[in-house]
Amino acid sequence: MLRPYPRSLAAPASDLSKHWAKDQIGAWTALDLAEGYLDGTFKPDSSITRTEFMALVNRVFNYTAKAEINFKDVAALGSGKQGSFLDGS
């Protein structure tokens, strides 16, 4: 949902054409705050993860500092990814 991969790799979201939030999602993607997944979807009806939410907050406020954070309810991020998201950018 929120730019899990570099812009050049993400396909246009195929599941937004009739979605009620397509205009807002389009505005976020135009501002480079959000993108779809490599499979060509955005998954607009999926719940946003804590990781995705914090990535959005970081992009909105242009936070770039990195810190070690350990949440008990978040799986180990050894590879830098949680599910299909979180590359630190």
PDB file of N, CA and C in Angstrom:
ATOM      1  N   MET A   1       0.798  -1.187   0.000  1.00  0.00           N
ATOM      2  CA  MET A   1       0.000   0.000   0.000  1.00  0.00           C
ATOM      3  C   MET A   1       0.845   1.257   0.000  1.00  0.00           C
ATOM      4  N   LEU A   2       1.848   1.322   0.789  1.00  0.00           N
ATOM      5  CA  LEU A   2       2.613   2.551   0.923  1.00  0.00           C
ATOM      6  C   LEU A   2       4.034   2.399   0.414  1.00  0.00           C
ATOM      7  N   ARG A   3       4.157   2.376  -0.822  1.00  0.00           N
ATOM      8  CA  ARG A   3       5.424   2.297  -1.525  1.00  0.00           C
ATOM      9  C   ARG A   3       6.320   1.190  -1.003  1.00  0.00           C
ATOM     10  N   PRO A   4       5.906  -0.067  -1.153  1.00  0.00           N
ATOM     11  CA  PRO A   4       6.734  -1.163  -0.681  1.00  0.00           C
ATOM     12  C   PRO A   4       7.946  -1.400  -1.564  1.00  0.00           C
ATOM     13  N   TYR A   5       7.919  -0.906  -2.788  1.00  0.00           N
ATOM     14  CA  TYR A   5       9.012  -1.117  -3.733  1.00  0.00           C
ATOM     15  C   TYR A   5       9.303   0.193  -4.450  1.00  0.00           C
ATOM     16  N   PRO A   6      10.483   0.288  -5.061  1.00  0.00           N
ATOM     17  CA  PRO A   6      10.797   1.522  -5.790  1.00  0.00           C
ATOM     18  C   PRO A   6       9.746   1.819  -6.856  1.00  0.00           C
ATOM     19  N   ARG A   7       9.488   3.089  -7.092  1.00  0.00           N
ATOM     20  CA  ARG A   7       8.460   3.519  -8.045  1.00  0.00           C
ATOM     21  C   ARG A   7       8.599   2.821  -9.392  1.00  0.00           C
ATOM     22  N   SER A   8       9.788   2.606  -9.874  1.00  0.00           N
ATOM     23  CA  SER A   8       9.990   2.003 -11.181  1.00  0.00           C
ATOM     24  C   SER A   8       9.536   0.550 -11.239  1.00  0.00           C
ATOM     25  N   LEU A   9       9.382  -0.124 -10.086  1.00  0.00           N
ATOM     26  CA  LEU A   9       8.988  -1.524 -10.070  1.00  0.00           C
ATOM     27  C   LEU A   9       7.500  -1.724  -9.837  1.00  0.00           C
ATOM     28  N   ALA A  10       6.841  -0.798  -9.218  1.00  0.00           N
ATOM     29  CA  ALA A  10       5.441  -0.983  -8.868  1.00  0.00           C
ATOM     30  C   ALA A  10       4.556  -0.727 -10.078  1.00  0.00           C
ATOM     31  N   ALA A  11       3.590  -1.621 -10.279  1.00  0.00           N
ATOM     32  CA  ALA A  11       2.647  -1.485 -11.383  1.00  0.00           C
ATOM     33  C   ALA A  11       1.484  -0.598 -10.947  1.00  0.00           C
ATOM     34  N   PRO A  12       0.781   0.024 -11.922  1.00  0.00           N
ATOM     35  CA  PRO A  12      -0.409   0.789 -11.544  1.00  0.00           C
ATOM     36  C   PRO A  12      -1.408  -0.133 -10.842  1.00  0.00           C
ATOM     37  N   ALA A  13      -2.052   0.359  -9.842  1.00  0.00           N
ATOM     38  CA  ALA A  13      -2.969  -0.468  -9.056  1.00  0.00           C
ATOM     39  C   ALA A  13      -4.199  -0.843  -9.876  1.00  0.00           C
ATOM     40  N   SER A  14      -4.444  -2.145  -9.979  1.00  0.00           N
ATOM     41  CA  SER A  14      -5.556  -2.649 -10.778  1.00  0.00           C
ATOM     42  C   SER A  14      -6.861  -2.708 -10.000  1.00  0.00           C
ATOM     43  N   ASP A  15      -6.833  -2.483  -8.696  1.00  0.00           N
ATOM     44  CA  ASP A  15      -8.030  -2.642  -7.868  1.00  0.00           C
ATOM     45  C   ASP A  15      -8.589  -1.305  -7.358  1.00  0.00           C
ATOM     46  N   LEU A  16      -8.264  -0.212  -8.030  1.00  0.00           N
ATOM     47  CA  LEU A  16      -8.720   1.103  -7.583  1.00  0.00           C
ATOM     48  C   LEU A  16      -9.786   1.742  -8.469  1.00  0.00           C
ATOM     49  N   SER A  17      -9.981   1.251  -9.671  1.00  0.00           N
ATOM     50  CA  SER A  17     -10.811   1.972 -10.645  1.00  0.00           C
ATOM     51  C   SER A  17     -12.205   2.318 -10.139  1.00  0.00           C
ATOM     52  N   LYS A  18     -12.822   1.459  -9.335  1.00  0.00           N
ATOM     53  CA  LYS A  18     -14.169   1.745  -8.826  1.00  0.00           C
ATOM     54  C   LYS A  18     -14.196   1.901  -7.305  1.00  0.00           C
ATOM     55  N   HIS A  19     -13.037   2.046  -6.712  1.00  0.00           N
ATOM     56  CA  HIS A  19     -12.984   2.141  -5.248  1.00  0.00           C
ATOM     57  C   HIS A  19     -13.359   3.553  -4.804  1.00  0.00           C
ATOM     58  N   TRP A  20     -14.079   3.656  -3.689  1.00  0.00           N
ATOM     59  CA  TRP A  20     -14.556   4.954  -3.192  1.00  0.00           C
ATOM     60  C   TRP A  20     -13.410   5.903  -2.826  1.00  0.00           C
ATOM     61  N   ALA A  21     -12.233   5.383  -2.503  1.00  0.00           N
ATOM     62  CA  ALA A  21     -11.109   6.240  -2.087  1.00  0.00           C
ATOM     63  C   ALA A  21     -10.085   6.454  -3.201  1.00  0.00           C
ATOM     64  N   LYS A  22     -10.438   6.119  -4.432  1.00  0.00           N
ATOM     65  CA  LYS A  22      -9.447   6.204  -5.516  1.00  0.00           C
ATOM     66  C   LYS A  22      -8.877   7.603  -5.703  1.00  0.00           C
ATOM     67  N   ASP A  23      -9.686   8.642  -5.515  1.00  0.00           N
ATOM     68  CA  ASP A  23      -9.177  10.010  -5.697  1.00  0.00           C
ATOM     69  C   ASP A  23      -8.142  10.366  -4.626  1.00  0.00           C
ATOM     70  N   GLN A  24      -8.423  10.012  -3.370  1.00  0.00           N
ATOM     71  CA  GLN A  24      -7.474  10.291  -2.288  1.00  0.00           C
ATOM     72  C   GLN A  24      -6.197   9.484  -2.467  1.00  0.00           C
ATOM     73  N   ILE A  25      -6.347   8.218  -2.827  1.00  0.00           N
ATOM     74  CA  ILE A  25      -5.168   7.359  -3.059  1.00  0.00           C
ATOM     75  C   ILE A  25      -4.369   7.916  -4.226  1.00  0.00           C
ATOM     76  N   GLY A  26      -5.056   8.381  -5.251  1.00  0.00           N
ATOM     77  CA  GLY A  26      -4.374   9.005  -6.384  1.00  0.00           C
ATOM     78  C   GLY A  26      -3.597  10.247  -5.969  1.00  0.00           C
ATOM     79  N   ALA A  27      -4.167  11.039  -5.069  1.00  0.00           N
ATOM     80  CA  ALA A  27      -3.468  12.225  -4.567  1.00  0.00           C
ATOM     81  C   ALA A  27      -2.219  11.818  -3.789  1.00  0.00           C
ATOM     82  N   TRP A  28      -2.337  10.781  -2.968  1.00  0.00           N
ATOM     83  CA  TRP A  28      -1.177  10.314  -2.197  1.00  0.00           C
ATOM     84  C   TRP A  28      -0.084   9.779  -3.117  1.00  0.00           C
ATOM     85  N   THR A  29      -0.464   9.053  -4.162  1.00  0.00           N
ATOM     86  CA  THR A  29       0.554   8.532  -5.067  1.00  0.00           C
ATOM     87  C   THR A  29       1.202   9.661  -5.857  1.00  0.00           C
ATOM     88  N   ALA A  30       0.415  10.683  -6.207  1.00  0.00           N
ATOM     89  CA  ALA A  30       0.980  11.835  -6.917  1.00  0.00           C
ATOM     90  C   ALA A  30       2.011  12.570  -6.066  1.00  0.00           C
ATOM     91  N   LEU A  31       1.808  12.558  -4.758  1.00  0.00           N
ATOM     92  CA  LEU A  31       2.753  13.185  -3.832  1.00  0.00           C
ATOM     93  C   LEU A  31       3.885  12.245  -3.424  1.00  0.00           C
ATOM     94  N   ASP A  32       3.892  11.047  -4.004  1.00  0.00           N
ATOM     95  CA  ASP A  32       4.915  10.032  -3.727  1.00  0.00           C
ATOM     96  C   ASP A  32       4.864   9.541  -2.277  1.00  0.00           C
ATOM     97  N   LEU A  33       3.670   9.559  -1.693  1.00  0.00           N
ATOM     98  CA  LEU A  33       3.500   9.066  -0.322  1.00  0.00           C
ATOM     99  C   LEU A  33       3.073   7.612  -0.307  1.00  0.00           C
ATOM    100  N   ALA A  34       2.435   7.159  -1.363  1.00  0.00           N
ATOM    101  CA  ALA A  34       1.902   5.799  -1.405  1.00  0.00           C
ATOM    102  C   ALA A  34       2.028   5.232  -2.808  1.00  0.00           C
ATOM    103  N   GLU A  35       2.140   3.914  -2.884  1.00  0.00           N
ATOM    104  CA  GLU A  35       2.144   3.192  -4.149  1.00  0.00           C
ATOM    105  C   GLU A  35       1.528   1.831  -3.938  1.00  0.00           C
ATOM    106  N   GLY A  36       1.362   1.127  -5.010  1.00  0.00           N
ATOM    107  CA  GLY A  36       0.816  -0.217  -4.935  1.00  0.00           C
ATOM    108  C   GLY A  36       1.894  -1.268  -4.733  1.00  0.00           C
ATOM    109  N   TYR A  37       1.451  -2.514  -4.792  1.00  0.00           N
ATOM    110  CA  TYR A  37       2.342  -3.656  -4.627  1.00  0.00           C
ATOM    111  C   TYR A  37       2.811  -4.165  -5.986  1.00  0.00           C
ATOM    112  N   LEU A  38       3.840  -4.980  -5.980  1.00  0.00           N
ATOM    113  CA  LEU A  38       4.388  -5.512  -7.228  1.00  0.00           C
ATOM    114  C   LEU A  38       3.380  -6.309  -8.033  1.00  0.00           C
ATOM    115  N   ASP A  39       2.382  -6.879  -7.390  1.00  0.00           N
ATOM    116  CA  ASP A  39       1.387  -7.665  -8.122  1.00  0.00           C
ATOM    117  C   ASP A  39       0.362  -6.787  -8.828  1.00  0.00           C
ATOM    118  N   GLY A  40       0.545  -5.467  -8.786  1.00  0.00           N
ATOM    119  CA  GLY A  40      -0.334  -4.544  -9.490  1.00  0.00           C
ATOM    120  C   GLY A  40      -1.561  -4.125  -8.708  1.00  0.00           C
ATOM    121  N   THR A  41      -1.604  -4.417  -7.417  1.00  0.00           N
ATOM    122  CA  THR A  41      -2.741  -4.029  -6.585  1.00  0.00           C
ATOM    123  C   THR A  41      -2.310  -2.969  -5.572  1.00  0.00           C
ATOM    124  N   PHE A  42      -3.317  -2.325  -4.999  1.00  0.00           N
ATOM    125  CA  PHE A  42      -3.075  -1.383  -3.911  1.00  0.00           C
ATOM    126  C   PHE A  42      -3.627  -1.927  -2.599  1.00  0.00           C
ATOM    127  N   LYS A  43      -4.590  -2.811  -2.690  1.00  0.00           N
ATOM    128  CA  LYS A  43      -5.247  -3.429  -1.535  1.00  0.00           C
ATOM    129  C   LYS A  43      -5.910  -2.366  -0.648  1.00  0.00           C
ATOM    130  N   PRO A  44      -6.782  -1.538  -1.252  1.00  0.00           N
ATOM    131  CA  PRO A  44      -7.370  -0.429  -0.508  1.00  0.00           C
ATOM    132  C   PRO A  44      -8.317  -0.850   0.613  1.00  0.00           C
ATOM    133  N   ASP A  45      -8.811  -2.070   0.585  1.00  0.00           N
ATOM    134  CA  ASP A  45      -9.724  -2.517   1.637  1.00  0.00           C
ATOM    135  C   ASP A  45      -9.018  -3.289   2.736  1.00  0.00           C
ATOM    136  N   SER A  46      -7.712  -3.474   2.614  1.00  0.00           N
ATOM    137  CA  SER A  46      -6.942  -4.145   3.657  1.00  0.00           C
ATOM    138  C   SER A  46      -6.643  -3.159   4.784  1.00  0.00           C
ATOM    139  N   SER A  47      -6.516  -3.682   5.971  1.00  0.00           N
ATOM    140  CA  SER A  47      -6.131  -2.831   7.105  1.00  0.00           C
ATOM    141  C   SER A  47      -4.694  -2.373   6.922  1.00  0.00           C
ATOM    142  N   ILE A  48      -4.427  -1.142   7.300  1.00  0.00           N
ATOM    143  CA  ILE A  48      -3.069  -0.623   7.232  1.00  0.00           C
ATOM    144  C   ILE A  48      -2.283  -1.187   8.419  1.00  0.00           C
ATOM    145  N   THR A  49      -1.071  -1.617   8.160  1.00  0.00           N
ATOM    146  CA  THR A  49      -0.234  -2.147   9.235  1.00  0.00           C
ATOM    147  C   THR A  49       0.438  -0.993   9.973  1.00  0.00           C
ATOM    148  N   ARG A  50       0.964  -1.303  11.155  1.00  0.00           N
ATOM    149  CA  ARG A  50       1.701  -0.283  11.899  1.00  0.00           C
ATOM    150  C   ARG A  50       2.889   0.199  11.069  1.00  0.00           C
ATOM    151  N   THR A  51       3.541  -0.710  10.396  1.00  0.00           N
ATOM    152  CA  THR A  51       4.698  -0.374   9.564  1.00  0.00           C
ATOM    153  C   THR A  51       4.295   0.580   8.447  1.00  0.00           C
ATOM    154  N   GLU A  52       3.197   0.265   7.764  1.00  0.00           N
ATOM    155  CA  GLU A  52       2.734   1.125   6.682  1.00  0.00           C
ATOM    156  C   GLU A  52       2.317   2.502   7.200  1.00  0.00           C
ATOM    157  N   PHE A  53       1.629   2.527   8.331  1.00  0.00           N
ATOM    158  CA  PHE A  53       1.212   3.799   8.911  1.00  0.00           C
ATOM    159  C   PHE A  53       2.416   4.669   9.262  1.00  0.00           C
ATOM    160  N   MET A  54       3.419   4.070   9.883  1.00  0.00           N
ATOM    161  CA  MET A  54       4.597   4.847  10.266  1.00  0.00           C
ATOM    162  C   MET A  54       5.373   5.310   9.034  1.00  0.00           C
ATOM    163  N   ALA A  55       5.399   4.494   7.991  1.00  0.00           N
ATOM    164  CA  ALA A  55       6.047   4.926   6.750  1.00  0.00           C
ATOM    165  C   ALA A  55       5.324   6.146   6.176  1.00  0.00           C
ATOM    166  N   LEU A  56       3.997   6.134   6.222  1.00  0.00           N
ATOM    167  CA  LEU A  56       3.230   7.285   5.749  1.00  0.00           C
ATOM    168  C   LEU A  56       3.518   8.525   6.591  1.00  0.00           C
ATOM    169  N   VAL A  57       3.516   8.379   7.906  1.00  0.00           N
ATOM    170  CA  VAL A  57       3.835   9.502   8.799  1.00  0.00           C
ATOM    171  C   VAL A  57       5.236  10.031   8.496  1.00  0.00           C
ATOM    172  N   ASN A  58       6.195   9.123   8.346  1.00  0.00           N
ATOM    173  CA  ASN A  58       7.567   9.543   8.064  1.00  0.00           C
ATOM    174  C   ASN A  58       7.663  10.311   6.753  1.00  0.00           C
ATOM    175  N   ARG A  59       6.932   9.876   5.739  1.00  0.00           N
ATOM    176  CA  ARG A  59       6.975  10.575   4.454  1.00  0.00           C
ATOM    177  C   ARG A  59       6.263  11.917   4.513  1.00  0.00           C
ATOM    178  N   VAL A  60       5.130  11.964   5.200  1.00  0.00           N
ATOM    179  CA  VAL A  60       4.382  13.223   5.312  1.00  0.00           C
ATOM    180  C   VAL A  60       5.218  14.291   6.010  1.00  0.00           C
ATOM    181  N   PHE A  61       5.909  13.901   7.086  1.00  0.00           N
ATOM    182  CA  PHE A  61       6.699  14.862   7.859  1.00  0.00           C
ATOM    183  C   PHE A  61       8.178  14.874   7.476  1.00  0.00           C
ATOM    184  N   ASN A  62       8.523  14.107   6.437  1.00  0.00           N
ATOM    185  CA  ASN A  62       9.891  14.049   5.911  1.00  0.00           C
ATOM    186  C   ASN A  62      10.906  13.613   6.969  1.00  0.00           C
ATOM    187  N   TYR A  63      10.512  12.661   7.802  1.00  0.00           N
ATOM    188  CA  TYR A  63      11.446  12.098   8.783  1.00  0.00           C
ATOM    189  C   TYR A  63      12.362  11.108   8.073  1.00  0.00           C
ATOM    190  N   THR A  64      13.664  11.234   8.286  1.00  0.00           N
ATOM    191  CA  THR A  64      14.613  10.342   7.619  1.00  0.00           C
ATOM    192  C   THR A  64      15.552   9.625   8.585  1.00  0.00           C
ATOM    193  N   ALA A  65      15.582  10.052   9.845  1.00  0.00           N
ATOM    194  CA  ALA A  65      16.471   9.401  10.819  1.00  0.00           C
ATOM    195  C   ALA A  65      16.010   7.968  11.055  1.00  0.00           C
ATOM    196  N   LYS A  66      16.962   7.065  11.247  1.00  0.00           N
ATOM    197  CA  LYS A  66      16.652   5.664  11.503  1.00  0.00           C
ATOM    198  C   LYS A  66      16.999   5.329  12.938  1.00  0.00           C
ATOM    199  N   ALA A  67      16.191   4.441  13.522  1.00  0.00           N
ATOM    200  CA  ALA A  67      16.409   4.035  14.905  1.00  0.00           C
ATOM    201  C   ALA A  67      15.985   2.592  15.068  1.00  0.00           C
ATOM    202  N   GLU A  68      16.598   1.909  16.001  1.00  0.00           N
ATOM    203  CA  GLU A  68      16.228   0.540  16.337  1.00  0.00           C
ATOM    204  C   GLU A  68      14.973   0.582  17.204  1.00  0.00           C
ATOM    205  N   ILE A  69      13.915  -0.054  16.736  1.00  0.00           N
ATOM    206  CA  ILE A  69      12.662  -0.096  17.484  1.00  0.00           C
ATOM    207  C   ILE A  69      12.197  -1.537  17.534  1.00  0.00           C
ATOM    208  N   ASN A  70      11.881  -2.013  18.711  1.00  0.00           N
ATOM    209  CA  ASN A  70      11.416  -3.383  18.870  1.00  0.00           C
ATOM    210  C   ASN A  70      10.027  -3.388  19.474  1.00  0.00           C
ATOM    211  N   PHE A  71       9.066  -3.814  18.688  1.00  0.00           N
ATOM    212  CA  PHE A  71       7.699  -3.948  19.161  1.00  0.00           C
ATOM    213  C   PHE A  71       7.403  -5.429  19.363  1.00  0.00           C
ATOM    214  N   LYS A  72       6.832  -5.787  20.478  1.00  0.00           N
ATOM    215  CA  LYS A  72       6.547  -7.186  20.778  1.00  0.00           C
ATOM    216  C   LYS A  72       5.550  -7.796  19.808  1.00  0.00           C
ATOM    217  N   ASP A  73       4.664  -6.984  19.242  1.00  0.00           N
ATOM    218  CA  ASP A  73       3.637  -7.528  18.362  1.00  0.00           C
ATOM    219  C   ASP A  73       4.015  -7.479  16.885  1.00  0.00           C
ATOM    220  N   VAL A  74       5.256  -7.125  16.572  1.00  0.00           N
ATOM    221  CA  VAL A  74       5.727  -7.081  15.192  1.00  0.00           C
ATOM    222  C   VAL A  74       6.814  -8.127  15.028  1.00  0.00           C
ATOM    223  N   ALA A  75       6.669  -8.962  14.009  1.00  0.00           N
ATOM    224  CA  ALA A  75       7.655 -10.008  13.752  1.00  0.00           C
ATOM    225  C   ALA A  75       9.028  -9.388  13.496  1.00  0.00           C
ATOM    226  N   ALA A  76      10.058 -10.174  13.740  1.00  0.00           N
ATOM    227  CA  ALA A  76      11.432  -9.708  13.502  1.00  0.00           C
ATOM    228  C   ALA A  76      11.565  -9.247  12.065  1.00  0.00           C
ATOM    229  N   LEU A  77      12.202  -8.119  11.869  1.00  0.00           N
ATOM    230  CA  LEU A  77      12.352  -7.532  10.542  1.00  0.00           C
ATOM    231  C   LEU A  77      13.745  -7.771   9.973  1.00  0.00           C
ATOM    232  N   GLY A  78      14.339  -8.902  10.277  1.00  0.00           N
ATOM    233  CA  GLY A  78      15.709  -9.176   9.879  1.00  0.00           C
ATOM    234  C   GLY A  78      16.054  -8.791   8.462  1.00  0.00           C
ATOM    235  N   SER A  79      15.173  -9.071   7.504  1.00  0.00           N
ATOM    236  CA  SER A  79      15.470  -8.759   6.119  1.00  0.00           C
ATOM    237  C   SER A  79      15.087  -7.336   5.749  1.00  0.00           C
ATOM    238  N   GLY A  80      14.494  -6.613   6.701  1.00  0.00           N
ATOM    239  CA  GLY A  80      14.062  -5.258   6.408  1.00  0.00           C
ATOM    240  C   GLY A  80      12.653  -5.210   5.819  1.00  0.00           C
ATOM    241  N   LYS A  81      11.965  -6.357   5.806  1.00  0.00           N
ATOM    242  CA  LYS A  81      10.623  -6.389   5.255  1.00  0.00           C
ATOM    243  C   LYS A  81       9.674  -7.069   6.223  1.00  0.00           C
ATOM    244  N   GLN A  82       8.474  -6.547   6.325  1.00  0.00           N
ATOM    245  CA  GLN A  82       7.409  -7.201   7.075  1.00  0.00           C
ATOM    246  C   GLN A  82       6.338  -7.532   6.055  1.00  0.00           C
ATOM    247  N   GLY A  83       6.122  -8.779   5.794  1.00  0.00           N
ATOM    248  CA  GLY A  83       5.208  -9.163   4.730  1.00  0.00           C
ATOM    249  C   GLY A  83       5.817  -8.703   3.419  1.00  0.00           C
ATOM    250  N   SER A  84       5.118  -7.844   2.704  1.00  0.00           N
ATOM    251  CA  SER A  84       5.651  -7.340   1.444  1.00  0.00           C
ATOM    252  C   SER A  84       6.036  -5.870   1.558  1.00  0.00           C
ATOM    253  N   PHE A  85       6.275  -5.410   2.767  1.00  0.00           N
ATOM    254  CA  PHE A  85       6.490  -3.985   2.978  1.00  0.00           C
ATOM    255  C   PHE A  85       7.657  -3.706   3.914  1.00  0.00           C
ATOM    256  N   LEU A  86       8.179  -2.554   3.849  1.00  0.00           N
ATOM    257  CA  LEU A  86       9.196  -1.939   4.696  1.00  0.00           C
ATOM    258  C   LEU A  86      10.589  -2.147   4.150  1.00  0.00           C
ATOM    259  N   ASP A  87      11.046  -1.180   3.446  1.00  0.00           N
ATOM    260  CA  ASP A  87      12.427  -1.188   2.972  1.00  0.00           C
ATOM    261  C   ASP A  87      13.221  -0.042   3.565  1.00  0.00           C
ATOM    262  N   GLY A  88      12.615   0.685   4.503  1.00  0.00           N
ATOM    263  CA  GLY A  88      13.324   1.764   5.171  1.00  0.00           C
ATOM    264  C   GLY A  88      13.346   3.068   4.407  1.00  0.00           C
ATOM    265  N   SER A  89      12.746   3.115   3.217  1.00  0.00           N
ATOM    266  CA  SER A  89      12.761   4.367   2.460  1.00  0.00           C
ATOM    267  C   SER A  89      11.446   5.082   2.568  1.00  0.00           C
TER     268      SER A  89
END
